[in-house]
Amino acid sequence: MLKGTKLYSIFTGTCPVCQNESMYTSSNLYNPNKTQEMHERCSHCDTKYKIEPSFFYGSMYVSYGVGIAIAMAAFVICYFLLNLSRWNIFLVISFISIFSLPIVIRISRNIWINIFMDYDKAKAKTN
């Protein structure tokens, strides 16, 4: 339904140009050796993911915002809905931040690459 939009590519981790293949070599987020491991190019449209050396360093800035958004959502739920104490809120936010780290890493990379690349219907249909 959302195919062809940046949101589709961001949430599925597919190629931002054709959205037909995953950018990552492993679908397991919680394998520390494979979390950041990406294909060099898309096998469908031949898009090179690493535009320049150290391209994904910029995703660190995005990950800060994504991490803060997750922490703020956890705080609002814990404080306003669950009425937890400050100490318990701290523990919940710490646990969620650690548990969601691989998700934040991939989402941030997906957002970063989608800033610089757009969906192309012609390349999506080839092959």
Protein backbone atom coordinates (compact mmCIF):
# COMPACT_ATOMS: atom_id res chain seq x y z
CA MET A 1 0.00 0.00 0.00
CA LEU A 2 2.76 2.44 0.88
CA LYS A 3 5.19 1.10 -1.71
CA GLY A 4 6.73 3.96 -3.59
CA THR A 5 6.94 6.21 -0.53
CA LYS A 6 9.91 7.01 1.65
CA LEU A 7 8.06 5.64 4.69
CA TYR A 8 7.87 2.21 3.05
CA SER A 9 11.62 2.17 2.47
CA ILE A 10 12.36 3.49 5.97
CA PHE A 11 10.24 0.96 7.84
CA THR A 12 11.07 -2.06 5.67
CA GLY A 13 14.78 -1.33 5.11
CA THR A 14 14.46 -1.81 1.37
CA CYS A 15 16.40 -0.09 -1.39
CA PRO A 16 15.26 3.55 -1.50
CA VAL A 17 15.30 3.61 -5.31
CA CYS A 18 13.44 0.43 -6.33
CA GLN A 19 12.16 -0.86 -2.96
CA ASN A 20 12.50 -4.46 -4.14
CA GLU A 21 15.40 -5.71 -2.01
CA SER A 22 16.55 -5.35 1.58
CA MET A 23 19.64 -3.21 2.05
CA TYR A 24 20.85 -5.43 4.91
CA THR A 25 22.53 -8.81 4.67
CA SER A 26 20.66 -10.17 7.71
CA SER A 27 17.09 -9.68 8.84
CA ASN A 28 18.08 -10.44 12.45
CA LEU A 29 18.45 -7.09 14.21
CA TYR A 30 19.86 -8.57 17.40
CA ASN A 31 22.93 -10.23 15.91
CA PRO A 32 25.64 -7.71 16.92
CA ASN A 33 27.94 -8.72 14.06
CA LYS A 34 25.26 -8.26 11.39
CA THR A 35 23.20 -5.27 12.61
CA GLN A 36 25.03 -2.73 10.45
CA GLU A 37 26.19 -5.06 7.67
CA MET A 38 24.76 -3.92 4.34
CA HIS A 39 24.96 -5.05 0.74
CA GLU A 40 27.29 -2.98 -1.43
CA ARG A 41 24.65 -2.51 -4.16
CA CYS A 42 21.04 -3.38 -4.83
CA SER A 43 20.91 -6.52 -6.98
CA HIS A 44 17.71 -5.30 -8.64
CA CYS A 45 18.54 -1.72 -9.72
CA ASP A 46 22.31 -1.59 -9.03
CA THR A 47 22.02 1.40 -6.67
CA LYS A 48 25.16 1.90 -4.63
CA TYR A 49 24.14 2.35 -0.97
CA LYS A 50 27.35 3.89 0.31
CA ILE A 51 27.37 7.10 -1.72
CA GLU A 52 30.76 8.17 -0.35
CA PRO A 53 33.23 6.93 2.29
CA SER A 54 31.83 7.34 5.80
CA PHE A 55 28.41 8.20 4.36
CA PHE A 56 26.47 6.65 7.24
CA TYR A 57 28.27 8.72 9.90
CA GLY A 58 25.51 11.26 9.31
CA SER A 59 22.97 8.75 10.55
CA MET A 60 24.39 9.25 14.04
CA TYR A 61 22.67 12.63 14.14
CA VAL A 62 19.40 11.03 13.10
CA SER A 63 19.81 8.27 15.71
CA TYR A 64 20.03 10.88 18.45
CA GLY A 65 16.64 12.28 17.47
CA VAL A 66 15.07 8.85 17.09
CA GLY A 67 16.44 7.76 20.48
CA ILE A 68 15.12 10.90 22.17
CA ALA A 69 11.70 10.37 20.58
CA ILE A 70 11.56 6.80 21.92
CA ALA A 71 12.70 7.92 25.39
CA MET A 72 10.12 10.73 25.46
CA ALA A 73 7.34 8.34 24.42
CA ALA A 74 8.39 5.95 27.21
CA PHE A 75 8.44 8.82 29.70
CA VAL A 76 4.96 10.05 28.75
CA ILE A 77 3.52 6.54 29.01
CA CYS A 78 5.23 5.81 32.34
CA TYR A 79 4.52 9.17 33.95
CA PHE A 80 1.04 10.06 32.73
CA LEU A 81 -0.55 6.66 32.09
CA LEU A 82 1.18 4.35 34.57
CA ASN A 83 2.02 6.89 37.32
CA LEU A 84 5.41 5.32 38.01
CA SER A 85 8.00 6.83 40.34
CA ARG A 86 11.02 8.66 38.95
CA TRP A 87 13.33 5.75 39.68
CA ASN A 88 11.06 3.28 37.89
CA ILE A 89 10.71 5.65 34.95
CA PHE A 90 14.50 5.87 34.76
CA LEU A 91 14.78 2.07 34.76
CA VAL A 92 12.10 1.67 32.08
CA ILE A 93 13.69 4.30 29.82
CA SER A 94 17.14 2.72 30.30
CA PHE A 95 15.81 -0.75 29.47
CA ILE A 96 13.91 0.47 26.41
CA SER A 97 16.93 2.48 25.18
CA ILE A 98 19.21 -0.55 25.38
CA PHE A 99 16.65 -2.96 23.92
CA SER A 100 15.77 -0.67 21.00
CA LEU A 101 19.37 0.21 20.04
CA PRO A 102 19.56 -2.11 16.99
CA ILE A 103 16.19 -0.81 15.80
CA VAL A 104 17.33 2.79 16.21
CA ILE A 105 20.54 2.07 14.29
CA ARG A 106 18.72 0.61 11.29
CA ILE A 107 15.87 3.14 11.27
CA SER A 108 18.43 5.97 11.41
CA ARG A 109 20.40 4.53 8.49
CA ASN A 110 17.17 4.10 6.54
CA ILE A 111 16.11 7.68 7.21
CA TRP A 112 19.56 9.00 6.31
CA ILE A 113 19.80 7.23 2.95
CA ASN A 114 16.20 8.19 2.09
CA ILE A 115 17.10 11.86 2.54
CA PHE A 116 19.49 11.58 -0.41
CA MET A 117 17.74 9.06 -2.69
CA ASP A 118 14.25 8.97 -4.20
CA TYR A 119 11.98 6.20 -5.46
CA ASP A 120 12.17 5.61 -9.23
CA LYS A 121 9.24 3.73 -10.83
CA ALA A 122 11.28 2.93 -13.94
CA LYS A 123 14.04 1.21 -11.95
CA ALA A 124 11.48 -0.59 -9.79
CA LYS A 125 9.93 -2.26 -12.86
CA THR A 126 13.13 -3.29 -14.63
CA ASN A 127 14.35 -6.93 -14.44
